[in-house]
Amino acid sequence: MKKIIASPLAPKAVGPYSQAVEANGTLYISGQLPIDAATGKMPDSIEAQTRQALTNLSHIAAEAGYTLADAVKATVLLDDIADFGAMNGVYAEFFAEKMPARVCYEVAKLPMGAKVEIDLTLAR
């Protein structure tokens, strides 16, 4: 059975997709841009954008009764791989132990001019 999850604390989807879907004890959270749901704006720096994207992911996880400690897989998209170190420093603040598996790619462009987008898969 599939359940659609949406948090009012995270930005609404910018297309025809759900913020997250829970199925069979696994939560799949769509890629989160670093948009502040309260203002609709993105911060400028890669550090602040990474923090906002992970905060959005945390809000969505909480809406479904999960925490970031339940994360098993992350995908990080960067518009410039030179930002890897700065992104990684902030990422480590959110995942200090029992880190999820992860991939990180440089992409040509991200929606709305974002520097980073992150998705997560969580399981209990």
PDB file of N, CA and C in Angstrom:
ATOM      1  N   MET A   1       0.830  -1.172   0.000  1.00  0.00           N
ATOM      2  CA  MET A   1       0.000   0.000   0.000  1.00  0.00           C
ATOM      3  C   MET A   1       0.884   1.248   0.000  1.00  0.00           C
ATOM      4  N   LYS A   2       0.482   2.224  -0.750  1.00  0.00           N
ATOM      5  CA  LYS A   2       1.263   3.441  -0.898  1.00  0.00           C
ATOM      6  C   LYS A   2       0.534   4.598  -0.237  1.00  0.00           C
ATOM      7  N   LYS A   3       1.304   5.419   0.499  1.00  0.00           N
ATOM      8  CA  LYS A   3       0.742   6.574   1.187  1.00  0.00           C
ATOM      9  C   LYS A   3       1.526   7.824   0.763  1.00  0.00           C
ATOM     10  N   ILE A   4       0.810   8.859   0.368  1.00  0.00           N
ATOM     11  CA  ILE A   4       1.444  10.120  -0.020  1.00  0.00           C
ATOM     12  C   ILE A   4       1.695  10.946   1.240  1.00  0.00           C
ATOM     13  N   ILE A   5       2.903  11.493   1.341  1.00  0.00           N
ATOM     14  CA  ILE A   5       3.304  12.285   2.500  1.00  0.00           C
ATOM     15  C   ILE A   5       3.606  13.708   2.029  1.00  0.00           C
ATOM     16  N   ALA A   6       3.121  14.687   2.780  1.00  0.00           N
ATOM     17  CA  ALA A   6       3.429  16.091   2.489  1.00  0.00           C
ATOM     18  C   ALA A   6       3.536  16.853   3.801  1.00  0.00           C
ATOM     19  N   SER A   7       4.573  17.648   3.929  1.00  0.00           N
ATOM     20  CA  SER A   7       4.750  18.485   5.114  1.00  0.00           C
ATOM     21  C   SER A   7       4.514  19.943   4.745  1.00  0.00           C
ATOM     22  N   PRO A   8       3.726  20.648   5.548  1.00  0.00           N
ATOM     23  CA  PRO A   8       3.537  22.079   5.293  1.00  0.00           C
ATOM     24  C   PRO A   8       4.790  22.899   5.612  1.00  0.00           C
ATOM     25  N   LEU A   9       5.760  22.274   6.290  1.00  0.00           N
ATOM     26  CA  LEU A   9       6.995  22.971   6.652  1.00  0.00           C
ATOM     27  C   LEU A   9       8.044  22.919   5.540  1.00  0.00           C
ATOM     28  N   ALA A  10       7.790  22.107   4.524  1.00  0.00           N
ATOM     29  CA  ALA A  10       8.695  22.010   3.373  1.00  0.00           C
ATOM     30  C   ALA A  10       7.990  22.625   2.169  1.00  0.00           C
ATOM     31  N   PRO A  11       8.766  23.074   1.190  1.00  0.00           N
ATOM     32  CA  PRO A  11       8.130  23.695   0.022  1.00  0.00           C
ATOM     33  C   PRO A  11       7.288  22.693  -0.757  1.00  0.00           C
ATOM     34  N   LYS A  12       6.212  23.190  -1.353  1.00  0.00           N
ATOM     35  CA  LYS A  12       5.360  22.336  -2.176  1.00  0.00           C
ATOM     36  C   LYS A  12       6.136  21.868  -3.396  1.00  0.00           C
ATOM     37  N   ALA A  13       5.745  20.737  -3.924  1.00  0.00           N
ATOM     38  CA  ALA A  13       6.363  20.209  -5.136  1.00  0.00           C
ATOM     39  C   ALA A  13       6.233  21.237  -6.260  1.00  0.00           C
ATOM     40  N   VAL A  14       7.287  21.374  -7.063  1.00  0.00           N
ATOM     41  CA  VAL A  14       7.271  22.337  -8.165  1.00  0.00           C
ATOM     42  C   VAL A  14       6.855  21.674  -9.475  1.00  0.00           C
ATOM     43  N   GLY A  15       6.300  20.484  -9.389  1.00  0.00           N
ATOM     44  CA  GLY A  15       5.848  19.757 -10.571  1.00  0.00           C
ATOM     45  C   GLY A  15       4.856  18.684 -10.179  1.00  0.00           C
ATOM     46  N   PRO A  16       4.538  17.809 -11.117  1.00  0.00           N
ATOM     47  CA  PRO A  16       3.546  16.750 -10.856  1.00  0.00           C
ATOM     48  C   PRO A  16       4.153  15.542 -10.142  1.00  0.00           C
ATOM     49  N   TYR A  17       4.545  15.742  -8.898  1.00  0.00           N
ATOM     50  CA  TYR A  17       5.088  14.663  -8.075  1.00  0.00           C
ATOM     51  C   TYR A  17       4.766  14.952  -6.617  1.00  0.00           C
ATOM     52  N   SER A  18       4.931  13.949  -5.774  1.00  0.00           N
ATOM     53  CA  SER A  18       4.684  14.082  -4.334  1.00  0.00           C
ATOM     54  C   SER A  18       5.977  14.425  -3.615  1.00  0.00           C
ATOM     55  N   GLN A  19       5.860  15.117  -2.492  1.00  0.00           N
ATOM     56  CA  GLN A  19       7.038  15.355  -1.663  1.00  0.00           C
ATOM     57  C   GLN A  19       7.657  14.021  -1.271  1.00  0.00           C
ATOM     58  N   ALA A  20       6.800  13.066  -0.898  1.00  0.00           N
ATOM     59  CA  ALA A  20       7.286  11.757  -0.486  1.00  0.00           C
ATOM     60  C   ALA A  20       6.184  10.718  -0.647  1.00  0.00           C
ATOM     61  N   VAL A  21       6.622   9.474  -0.759  1.00  0.00           N
ATOM     62  CA  VAL A  21       5.712   8.333  -0.824  1.00  0.00           C
ATOM     63  C   VAL A  21       6.252   7.275   0.129  1.00  0.00           C
ATOM     64  N   GLU A  22       5.355   6.745   0.976  1.00  0.00           N
ATOM     65  CA  GLU A  22       5.718   5.647   1.866  1.00  0.00           C
ATOM     66  C   GLU A  22       5.076   4.376   1.331  1.00  0.00           C
ATOM     67  N   ALA A  23       5.884   3.328   1.232  1.00  0.00           N
ATOM     68  CA  ALA A  23       5.388   2.031   0.763  1.00  0.00           C
ATOM     69  C   ALA A  23       6.151   0.925   1.479  1.00  0.00           C
ATOM     70  N   ASN A  24       5.414   0.028   2.107  1.00  0.00           N
ATOM     71  CA  ASN A  24       6.000  -1.147   2.747  1.00  0.00           C
ATOM     72  C   ASN A  24       7.143  -0.818   3.706  1.00  0.00           C
ATOM     73  N   GLY A  25       6.966   0.189   4.544  1.00  0.00           N
ATOM     74  CA  GLY A  25       7.970   0.532   5.554  1.00  0.00           C
ATOM     75  C   GLY A  25       9.162   1.308   5.028  1.00  0.00           C
ATOM     76  N   THR A  26       9.083   1.782   3.801  1.00  0.00           N
ATOM     77  CA  THR A  26      10.154   2.582   3.219  1.00  0.00           C
ATOM     78  C   THR A  26       9.576   3.925   2.792  1.00  0.00           C
ATOM     79  N   LEU A  27      10.296   4.999   3.099  1.00  0.00           N
ATOM     80  CA  LEU A  27       9.882   6.342   2.719  1.00  0.00           C
ATOM     81  C   LEU A  27      10.823   6.859   1.639  1.00  0.00           C
ATOM     82  N   TYR A  28      10.249   7.248   0.525  1.00  0.00           N
ATOM     83  CA  TYR A  28      10.995   7.795  -0.603  1.00  0.00           C
ATOM     84  C   TYR A  28      10.686   9.283  -0.678  1.00  0.00           C
ATOM     85  N   ILE A  29      11.690  10.117  -0.389  1.00  0.00           N
ATOM     86  CA  ILE A  29      11.480  11.560  -0.428  1.00  0.00           C
ATOM     87  C   ILE A  29      12.064  12.108  -1.721  1.00  0.00           C
ATOM     88  N   SER A  30      11.243  12.833  -2.456  1.00  0.00           N
ATOM     89  CA  SER A  30      11.681  13.446  -3.709  1.00  0.00           C
ATOM     90  C   SER A  30      12.813  14.437  -3.454  1.00  0.00           C
ATOM     91  N   GLY A  31      13.580  14.695  -4.491  1.00  0.00           N
ATOM     92  CA  GLY A  31      14.662  15.660  -4.387  1.00  0.00           C
ATOM     93  C   GLY A  31      14.160  16.989  -3.859  1.00  0.00           C
ATOM     94  N   GLN A  32      14.865  17.502  -2.859  1.00  0.00           N
ATOM     95  CA  GLN A  32      14.476  18.761  -2.238  1.00  0.00           C
ATOM     96  C   GLN A  32      15.440  19.867  -2.632  1.00  0.00           C
ATOM     97  N   LEU A  33      14.869  20.910  -3.181  1.00  0.00           N
ATOM     98  CA  LEU A  33      15.632  22.115  -3.465  1.00  0.00           C
ATOM     99  C   LEU A  33      15.764  22.907  -2.169  1.00  0.00           C
ATOM    100  N   PRO A  34      16.700  23.828  -2.110  1.00  0.00           N
ATOM    101  CA  PRO A  34      16.918  24.602  -0.885  1.00  0.00           C
ATOM    102  C   PRO A  34      15.976  25.796  -0.759  1.00  0.00           C
ATOM    103  N   ILE A  35      14.691  25.538  -0.908  1.00  0.00           N
ATOM    104  CA  ILE A  35      13.696  26.603  -0.823  1.00  0.00           C
ATOM    105  C   ILE A  35      13.152  26.672   0.599  1.00  0.00           C
ATOM    106  N   ASP A  36      13.139  27.859   1.167  1.00  0.00           N
ATOM    107  CA  ASP A  36      12.529  28.074   2.472  1.00  0.00           C
ATOM    108  C   ASP A  36      11.021  28.142   2.256  1.00  0.00           C
ATOM    109  N   ALA A  37      10.277  27.225   2.847  1.00  0.00           N
ATOM    110  CA  ALA A  37       8.828  27.159   2.641  1.00  0.00           C
ATOM    111  C   ALA A  37       8.123  28.425   3.125  1.00  0.00           C
ATOM    112  N   ALA A  38       8.673  29.090   4.128  1.00  0.00           N
ATOM    113  CA  ALA A  38       8.034  30.291   4.677  1.00  0.00           C
ATOM    114  C   ALA A  38       8.169  31.494   3.751  1.00  0.00           C
ATOM    115  N   THR A  39       9.302  31.572   3.039  1.00  0.00           N
ATOM    116  CA  THR A  39       9.559  32.753   2.208  1.00  0.00           C
ATOM    117  C   THR A  39       9.499  32.465   0.709  1.00  0.00           C
ATOM    118  N   GLY A  40       9.653  31.182   0.344  1.00  0.00           N
ATOM    119  CA  GLY A  40       9.708  30.823  -1.070  1.00  0.00           C
ATOM    120  C   GLY A  40      11.038  31.158  -1.722  1.00  0.00           C
ATOM    121  N   LYS A  41      12.024  31.529  -0.913  1.00  0.00           N
ATOM    122  CA  LYS A  41      13.328  31.947  -1.446  1.00  0.00           C
ATOM    123  C   LYS A  41      14.410  30.931  -1.110  1.00  0.00           C
ATOM    124  N   MET A  42      15.505  31.007  -1.881  1.00  0.00           N
ATOM    125  CA  MET A  42      16.672  30.163  -1.644  1.00  0.00           C
ATOM    126  C   MET A  42      17.812  31.023  -1.110  1.00  0.00           C
ATOM    127  N   PRO A  43      18.574  30.495  -0.156  1.00  0.00           N
ATOM    128  CA  PRO A  43      19.768  31.218   0.273  1.00  0.00           C
ATOM    129  C   PRO A  43      20.808  31.210  -0.852  1.00  0.00           C
ATOM    130  N   ASP A  44      21.859  31.989  -0.692  1.00  0.00           N
ATOM    131  CA  ASP A  44      22.860  32.136  -1.753  1.00  0.00           C
ATOM    132  C   ASP A  44      23.981  31.101  -1.712  1.00  0.00           C
ATOM    133  N   SER A  45      24.546  30.843  -0.542  1.00  0.00           N
ATOM    134  CA  SER A  45      25.749  30.010  -0.470  1.00  0.00           C
ATOM    135  C   SER A  45      25.416  28.518  -0.553  1.00  0.00           C
ATOM    136  N   ILE A  46      26.399  27.737  -0.978  1.00  0.00           N
ATOM    137  CA  ILE A  46      26.214  26.280  -1.043  1.00  0.00           C
ATOM    138  C   ILE A  46      25.979  25.715   0.349  1.00  0.00           C
ATOM    139  N   GLU A  47      26.633  26.277   1.350  1.00  0.00           N
ATOM    140  CA  GLU A  47      26.439  25.789   2.720  1.00  0.00           C
ATOM    141  C   GLU A  47      24.998  26.015   3.175  1.00  0.00           C
ATOM    142  N   ALA A  48      24.498  27.225   2.980  1.00  0.00           N
ATOM    143  CA  ALA A  48      23.130  27.536   3.404  1.00  0.00           C
ATOM    144  C   ALA A  48      22.110  26.764   2.568  1.00  0.00           C
ATOM    145  N   GLN A  49      22.395  26.578   1.284  1.00  0.00           N
ATOM    146  CA  GLN A  49      21.477  25.804   0.450  1.00  0.00           C
ATOM    147  C   GLN A  49      21.443  24.341   0.882  1.00  0.00           C
ATOM    148  N   THR A  50      22.599  23.774   1.197  1.00  0.00           N
ATOM    149  CA  THR A  50      22.648  22.389   1.661  1.00  0.00           C
ATOM    150  C   THR A  50      21.873  22.238   2.963  1.00  0.00           C
ATOM    151  N   ARG A  51      22.077  23.169   3.873  1.00  0.00           N
ATOM    152  CA  ARG A  51      21.375  23.136   5.167  1.00  0.00           C
ATOM    153  C   ARG A  51      19.858  23.221   4.952  1.00  0.00           C
ATOM    154  N   GLN A  52      19.414  24.080   4.039  1.00  0.00           N
ATOM    155  CA  GLN A  52      17.979  24.230   3.801  1.00  0.00           C
ATOM    156  C   GLN A  52      17.389  22.972   3.165  1.00  0.00           C
ATOM    157  N   ALA A  53      18.090  22.403   2.185  1.00  0.00           N
ATOM    158  CA  ALA A  53      17.599  21.175   1.542  1.00  0.00           C
ATOM    159  C   ALA A  53      17.468  20.050   2.566  1.00  0.00           C
ATOM    160  N   LEU A  54      18.466  19.903   3.445  1.00  0.00           N
ATOM    161  CA  LEU A  54      18.417  18.849   4.461  1.00  0.00           C
ATOM    162  C   LEU A  54      17.355  19.133   5.519  1.00  0.00           C
ATOM    163  N   THR A  55      17.141  20.384   5.829  1.00  0.00           N
ATOM    164  CA  THR A  55      16.069  20.752   6.757  1.00  0.00           C
ATOM    165  C   THR A  55      14.716  20.396   6.154  1.00  0.00           C
ATOM    166  N   ASN A  56      14.536  20.678   4.868  1.00  0.00           N
ATOM    167  CA  ASN A  56      13.293  20.308   4.193  1.00  0.00           C
ATOM    168  C   ASN A  56      13.084  18.796   4.243  1.00  0.00           C
ATOM    169  N   LEU A  57      14.145  18.038   3.979  1.00  0.00           N
ATOM    170  CA  LEU A  57      14.054  16.582   4.046  1.00  0.00           C
ATOM    171  C   LEU A  57      13.663  16.121   5.448  1.00  0.00           C
ATOM    172  N   SER A  58      14.231  16.761   6.448  1.00  0.00           N
ATOM    173  CA  SER A  58      13.932  16.414   7.838  1.00  0.00           C
ATOM    174  C   SER A  58      12.456  16.659   8.168  1.00  0.00           C
ATOM    175  N   HIS A  59      11.909  17.771   7.694  1.00  0.00           N
ATOM    176  CA  HIS A  59      10.490  18.077   7.925  1.00  0.00           C
ATOM    177  C   HIS A  59       9.591  17.019   7.290  1.00  0.00           C
ATOM    178  N   ILE A  60       9.923  16.626   6.079  1.00  0.00           N
ATOM    179  CA  ILE A  60       9.096  15.629   5.384  1.00  0.00           C
ATOM    180  C   ILE A  60       9.207  14.278   6.086  1.00  0.00           C
ATOM    181  N   ALA A  61      10.416  13.905   6.474  1.00  0.00           N
ATOM    182  CA  ALA A  61      10.597  12.650   7.206  1.00  0.00           C
ATOM    183  C   ALA A  61       9.771  12.650   8.488  1.00  0.00           C
ATOM    184  N   ALA A  62       9.817  13.753   9.223  1.00  0.00           N
ATOM    185  CA  ALA A  62       9.079  13.857  10.486  1.00  0.00           C
ATOM    186  C   ALA A  62       7.573  13.743  10.257  1.00  0.00           C
ATOM    187  N   GLU A  63       7.089  14.299   9.167  1.00  0.00           N
ATOM    188  CA  GLU A  63       5.659  14.230   8.847  1.00  0.00           C
ATOM    189  C   GLU A  63       5.200  12.771   8.745  1.00  0.00           C
ATOM    190  N   ALA A  64       6.113  11.891   8.307  1.00  0.00           N
ATOM    191  CA  ALA A  64       5.789  10.469   8.153  1.00  0.00           C
ATOM    192  C   ALA A  64       6.204   9.646   9.373  1.00  0.00           C
ATOM    193  N   GLY A  65       6.751  10.315  10.401  1.00  0.00           N
ATOM    194  CA  GLY A  65       7.154   9.595  11.606  1.00  0.00           C
ATOM    195  C   GLY A  65       8.558   9.028  11.555  1.00  0.00           C
ATOM    196  N   TYR A  66       9.378   9.527  10.663  1.00  0.00           N
ATOM    197  CA  TYR A  66      10.770   9.093  10.537  1.00  0.00           C
ATOM    198  C   TYR A  66      11.681  10.219  11.008  1.00  0.00           C
ATOM    199  N   THR A  67      12.964   9.874  11.186  1.00  0.00           N
ATOM    200  CA  THR A  67      13.999  10.885  11.411  1.00  0.00           C
ATOM    201  C   THR A  67      15.097  10.643  10.381  1.00  0.00           C
ATOM    202  N   LEU A  68      16.012  11.582  10.274  1.00  0.00           N
ATOM    203  CA  LEU A  68      17.123  11.399   9.335  1.00  0.00           C
ATOM    204  C   LEU A  68      17.997  10.200   9.713  1.00  0.00           C
ATOM    205  N   ALA A  69      17.927   9.762  10.966  1.00  0.00           N
ATOM    206  CA  ALA A  69      18.666   8.561  11.373  1.00  0.00           C
ATOM    207  C   ALA A  69      18.144   7.315  10.657  1.00  0.00           C
ATOM    208  N   ASP A  70      16.936   7.387  10.092  1.00  0.00           N
ATOM    209  CA  ASP A  70      16.358   6.268   9.346  1.00  0.00           C
ATOM    210  C   ASP A  70      16.799   6.246   7.882  1.00  0.00           C
ATOM    211  N   ALA A  71      17.572   7.241   7.453  1.00  0.00           N
ATOM    212  CA  ALA A  71      17.989   7.327   6.053  1.00  0.00           C
ATOM    213  C   ALA A  71      18.930   6.185   5.693  1.00  0.00           C
ATOM    214  N   VAL A  72      18.650   5.535   4.568  1.00  0.00           N
ATOM    215  CA  VAL A  72      19.503   4.444   4.090  1.00  0.00           C
ATOM    216  C   VAL A  72      20.214   4.796   2.786  1.00  0.00           C
ATOM    217  N   LYS A  73      19.693   5.781   2.038  1.00  0.00           N
ATOM    218  CA  LYS A  73      20.304   6.147   0.752  1.00  0.00           C
ATOM    219  C   LYS A  73      20.022   7.610   0.462  1.00  0.00           C
ATOM    220  N   ALA A  74      21.055   8.314   0.009  1.00  0.00           N
ATOM    221  CA  ALA A  74      20.914   9.721  -0.378  1.00  0.00           C
ATOM    222  C   ALA A  74      21.500   9.909  -1.773  1.00  0.00           C
ATOM    223  N   THR A  75      20.902  10.822  -2.503  1.00  0.00           N
ATOM    224  CA  THR A  75      21.456  11.262  -3.779  1.00  0.00           C
ATOM    225  C   THR A  75      21.609  12.771  -3.692  1.00  0.00           C
ATOM    226  N   VAL A  76      22.813  13.247  -3.976  1.00  0.00           N
ATOM    227  CA  VAL A  76      23.105  14.676  -3.942  1.00  0.00           C
ATOM    228  C   VAL A  76      23.449  15.116  -5.360  1.00  0.00           C
ATOM    229  N   LEU A  77      22.767  16.142  -5.820  1.00  0.00           N
ATOM    230  CA  LEU A  77      23.046  16.726  -7.128  1.00  0.00           C
ATOM    231  C   LEU A  77      23.625  18.119  -6.903  1.00  0.00           C
ATOM    232  N   LEU A  78      24.777  18.382  -7.503  1.00  0.00           N
ATOM    233  CA  LEU A  78      25.434  19.687  -7.398  1.00  0.00           C
ATOM    234  C   LEU A  78      25.554  20.304  -8.781  1.00  0.00           C
ATOM    235  N   ASP A  79      25.385  21.601  -8.866  1.00  0.00           N
ATOM    236  CA  ASP A  79      25.597  22.235 -10.169  1.00  0.00           C
ATOM    237  C   ASP A  79      27.076  22.519 -10.402  1.00  0.00           C
ATOM    238  N   ASP A  80      27.912  22.351  -9.360  1.00  0.00           N
ATOM    239  CA  ASP A  80      29.357  22.528  -9.492  1.00  0.00           C
ATOM    240  C   ASP A  80      30.043  21.591  -8.500  1.00  0.00           C
ATOM    241  N   ILE A  81      30.731  20.586  -9.001  1.00  0.00           N
ATOM    242  CA  ILE A  81      31.378  19.593  -8.130  1.00  0.00           C
ATOM    243  C   ILE A  81      32.455  20.234  -7.250  1.00  0.00           C
ATOM    244  N   ALA A  82      32.890  21.427  -7.594  1.00  0.00           N
ATOM    245  CA  ALA A  82      33.845  22.146  -6.751  1.00  0.00           C
ATOM    246  C   ALA A  82      33.222  22.495  -5.396  1.00  0.00           C
ATOM    247  N   ASP A  83      31.889  22.461  -5.298  1.00  0.00           N
ATOM    248  CA  ASP A  83      31.189  22.712  -4.035  1.00  0.00           C
ATOM    249  C   ASP A  83      31.101  21.469  -3.149  1.00  0.00           C
ATOM    250  N   PHE A  84      31.688  20.360  -3.599  1.00  0.00           N
ATOM    251  CA  PHE A  84      31.568  19.097  -2.866  1.00  0.00           C
ATOM    252  C   PHE A  84      32.021  19.225  -1.410  1.00  0.00           C
ATOM    253  N   GLY A  85      33.186  19.798  -1.178  1.00  0.00           N
ATOM    254  CA  GLY A  85      33.721  19.910   0.183  1.00  0.00           C
ATOM    255  C   GLY A  85      32.819  20.721   1.099  1.00  0.00           C
ATOM    256  N   ALA A  86      32.349  21.862   0.613  1.00  0.00           N
ATOM    257  CA  ALA A  86      31.473  22.714   1.416  1.00  0.00           C
ATOM    258  C   ALA A  86      30.149  22.013   1.691  1.00  0.00           C
ATOM    259  N   MET A  87      29.584  21.369   0.670  1.00  0.00           N
ATOM    260  CA  MET A  87      28.333  20.611   0.861  1.00  0.00           C
ATOM    261  C   MET A  87      28.557  19.505   1.877  1.00  0.00           C
ATOM    262  N   ASN A  88      29.655  18.787   1.730  1.00  0.00           N
ATOM    263  CA  ASN A  88      29.951  17.653   2.598  1.00  0.00           C
ATOM    264  C   ASN A  88      30.091  18.078   4.062  1.00  0.00           C
ATOM    265  N   GLY A  89      30.654  19.251   4.305  1.00  0.00           N
ATOM    266  CA  GLY A  89      30.801  19.749   5.673  1.00  0.00           C
ATOM    267  C   GLY A  89      29.456  19.942   6.353  1.00  0.00           C
ATOM    268  N   VAL A  90      28.499  20.515   5.632  1.00  0.00           N
ATOM    269  CA  VAL A  90      27.157  20.709   6.180  1.00  0.00           C
ATOM    270  C   VAL A  90      26.429  19.370   6.289  1.00  0.00           C
ATOM    271  N   TYR A  91      26.557  18.540   5.266  1.00  0.00           N
ATOM    272  CA  TYR A  91      25.917  17.214   5.250  1.00  0.00           C
ATOM    273  C   TYR A  91      26.322  16.426   6.501  1.00  0.00           C
ATOM    274  N   ALA A  92      27.597  16.515   6.880  1.00  0.00           N
ATOM    275  CA  ALA A  92      28.106  15.786   8.050  1.00  0.00           C
ATOM    276  C   ALA A  92      27.467  16.268   9.352  1.00  0.00           C
ATOM    277  N   GLU A  93      26.955  17.491   9.398  1.00  0.00           N
ATOM    278  CA  GLU A  93      26.249  17.977  10.580  1.00  0.00           C
ATOM    279  C   GLU A  93      24.915  17.236  10.766  1.00  0.00           C
ATOM    280  N   PHE A  94      24.325  16.787   9.675  1.00  0.00           N
ATOM    281  CA  PHE A  94      23.032  16.109   9.722  1.00  0.00           C
ATOM    282  C   PHE A  94      23.174  14.589   9.845  1.00  0.00           C
ATOM    283  N   PHE A  95      24.286  14.056   9.361  1.00  0.00           N
ATOM    284  CA  PHE A  95      24.528  12.611   9.389  1.00  0.00           C
ATOM    285  C   PHE A  95      25.893  12.368  10.031  1.00  0.00           C
ATOM    286  N   ALA A  96      25.911  12.270  11.360  1.00  0.00           N
ATOM    287  CA  ALA A  96      27.158  12.146  12.100  1.00  0.00           C
ATOM    288  C   ALA A  96      27.575  10.694  12.337  1.00  0.00           C
ATOM    289  N   GLU A  97      26.608   9.778  12.389  1.00  0.00           N
ATOM    290  CA  GLU A  97      26.924   8.360  12.570  1.00  0.00           C
ATOM    291  C   GLU A  97      25.872   7.525  11.856  1.00  0.00           C
ATOM    292  N   LYS A  98      26.231   6.297  11.565  1.00  0.00           N
ATOM    293  CA  LYS A  98      25.341   5.414  10.798  1.00  0.00           C
ATOM    294  C   LYS A  98      24.819   6.134   9.550  1.00  0.00           C
ATOM    295  N   MET A  99      25.774   6.728   8.822  1.00  0.00           N
ATOM    296  CA  MET A  99      25.437   7.511   7.637  1.00  0.00           C
ATOM    297  C   MET A  99      24.794   6.634   6.565  1.00  0.00           C
ATOM    298  N   PRO A 100      23.892   7.220   5.789  1.00  0.00           N
ATOM    299  CA  PRO A 100      23.289   6.465   4.684  1.00  0.00           C
ATOM    300  C   PRO A 100      24.298   6.273   3.550  1.00  0.00           C
ATOM    301  N   ALA A 101      24.046   5.298   2.705  1.00  0.00           N
ATOM    302  CA  ALA A 101      24.804   5.193   1.463  1.00  0.00           C
ATOM    303  C   ALA A 101      24.502   6.460   0.671  1.00  0.00           C
ATOM    304  N   ARG A 102      25.434   6.861  -0.223  1.00  0.00           N
ATOM    305  CA  ARG A 102      25.221   8.123  -0.925  1.00  0.00           C
ATOM    306  C   ARG A 102      25.936   8.131  -2.263  1.00  0.00           C
ATOM    307  N   VAL A 103      25.346   8.826  -3.199  1.00  0.00           N
ATOM    308  CA  VAL A 103      26.030   9.175  -4.438  1.00  0.00           C
ATOM    309  C   VAL A 103      25.933  10.684  -4.586  1.00  0.00           C
ATOM    310  N   CYS A 104      26.887  11.257  -5.290  1.00  0.00           N
ATOM    311  CA  CYS A 104      26.896  12.697  -5.537  1.00  0.00           C
ATOM    312  C   CYS A 104      27.324  12.913  -6.979  1.00  0.00           C
ATOM    313  N   TYR A 105      26.552  13.698  -7.694  1.00  0.00           N
ATOM    314  CA  TYR A 105      26.831  13.969  -9.097  1.00  0.00           C
ATOM    315  C   TYR A 105      26.866  15.469  -9.358  1.00  0.00           C
ATOM    316  N   GLU A 106      27.689  15.859 -10.318  1.00  0.00           N
ATOM    317  CA  GLU A 106      27.580  17.200 -10.880  1.00  0.00           C
ATOM    318  C   GLU A 106      26.601  17.105 -12.043  1.00  0.00           C
ATOM    319  N   VAL A 107      25.685  18.052 -12.090  1.00  0.00           N
ATOM    320  CA  VAL A 107      24.699  18.092 -13.171  1.00  0.00           C
ATOM    321  C   VAL A 107      24.828  19.432 -13.897  1.00  0.00           C
ATOM    322  N   ALA A 108      24.317  19.481 -15.110  1.00  0.00           N
ATOM    323  CA  ALA A 108      24.437  20.696 -15.917  1.00  0.00           C
ATOM    324  C   ALA A 108      23.678  21.866 -15.303  1.00  0.00           C
ATOM    325  N   LYS A 109      22.503  21.597 -14.762  1.00  0.00           N
ATOM    326  CA  LYS A 109      21.678  22.667 -14.217  1.00  0.00           C
ATOM    327  C   LYS A 109      20.619  22.062 -13.314  1.00  0.00           C
ATOM    328  N   LEU A 110      20.242  22.803 -12.271  1.00  0.00           N
ATOM    329  CA  LEU A 110      19.180  22.384 -11.357  1.00  0.00           C
ATOM    330  C   LEU A 110      18.014  23.361 -11.458  1.00  0.00           C
ATOM    331  N   PRO A 111      16.805  22.910 -11.114  1.00  0.00           N
ATOM    332  CA  PRO A 111      15.643  23.789 -11.188  1.00  0.00           C
ATOM    333  C   PRO A 111      15.827  25.073 -10.371  1.00  0.00           C
ATOM    334  N   MET A 112      15.278  26.147 -10.889  1.00  0.00           N
ATOM    335  CA  MET A 112      15.229  27.432 -10.201  1.00  0.00           C
ATOM    336  C   MET A 112      16.605  27.999  -9.867  1.00  0.00           C
ATOM    337  N   GLY A 113      17.654  27.514 -10.534  1.00  0.00           N
ATOM    338  CA  GLY A 113      18.997  28.029 -10.302  1.00  0.00           C
ATOM    339  C   GLY A 113      19.644  27.545  -9.018  1.00  0.00           C
ATOM    340  N   ALA A 114      19.121  26.476  -8.428  1.00  0.00           N
ATOM    341  CA  ALA A 114      19.686  25.940  -7.184  1.00  0.00           C
ATOM    342  C   ALA A 114      21.100  25.421  -7.408  1.00  0.00           C
ATOM    343  N   LYS A 115      21.893  25.423  -6.345  1.00  0.00           N
ATOM    344  CA  LYS A 115      23.235  24.864  -6.376  1.00  0.00           C
ATOM    345  C   LYS A 115      23.239  23.390  -5.970  1.00  0.00           C
ATOM    346  N   VAL A 116      22.188  22.958  -5.237  1.00  0.00           N
ATOM    347  CA  VAL A 116      22.134  21.596  -4.707  1.00  0.00           C
ATOM    348  C   VAL A 116      20.691  21.111  -4.658  1.00  0.00           C
ATOM    349  N   GLU A 117      20.520  19.815  -4.846  1.00  0.00           N
ATOM    350  CA  GLU A 117      19.246  19.129  -4.646  1.00  0.00           C
ATOM    351  C   GLU A 117      19.581  17.780  -4.025  1.00  0.00           C
ATOM    352  N   ILE A 118      18.810  17.379  -3.029  1.00  0.00           N
ATOM    353  CA  ILE A 118      19.086  16.129  -2.316  1.00  0.00           C
ATOM    354  C   ILE A 118      17.792  15.336  -2.171  1.00  0.00           C
ATOM    355  N   ASP A 119      17.870  14.022  -2.442  1.00  0.00           N
ATOM    356  CA  ASP A 119      16.734  13.145  -2.144  1.00  0.00           C
ATOM    357  C   ASP A 119      17.181  12.097  -1.142  1.00  0.00           C
ATOM    358  N   LEU A 120      16.218  11.458  -0.495  1.00  0.00           N
ATOM    359  CA  LEU A 120      16.505  10.436   0.513  1.00  0.00           C
ATOM    360  C   LEU A 120      15.540   9.267   0.401  1.00  0.00           C
ATOM    361  N   THR A 121      16.050   8.098   0.750  1.00  0.00           N
ATOM    362  CA  THR A 121      15.237   6.925   1.004  1.00  0.00           C
ATOM    363  C   THR A 121      15.456   6.551   2.462  1.00  0.00           C
ATOM    364  N   LEU A 122      14.357   6.356   3.193  1.00  0.00           N
ATOM    365  CA  LEU A 122      14.426   6.015   4.611  1.00  0.00           C
ATOM    366  C   LEU A 122      13.697   4.713   4.857  1.00  0.00           C
ATOM    367  N   ALA A 123      14.156   3.960   5.839  1.00  0.00           N
ATOM    368  CA  ALA A 123      13.518   2.689   6.176  1.00  0.00           C
ATOM    369  C   ALA A 123      13.595   2.493   7.682  1.00  0.00           C
ATOM    370  N   ARG A 124      12.636   1.732   8.166  1.00  0.00           N
ATOM    371  CA  ARG A 124      12.630   1.432   9.610  1.00  0.00           C
ATOM    372  C   ARG A 124      13.250   0.088   9.852  1.00  0.00           C
TER     373      ARG A 124
END
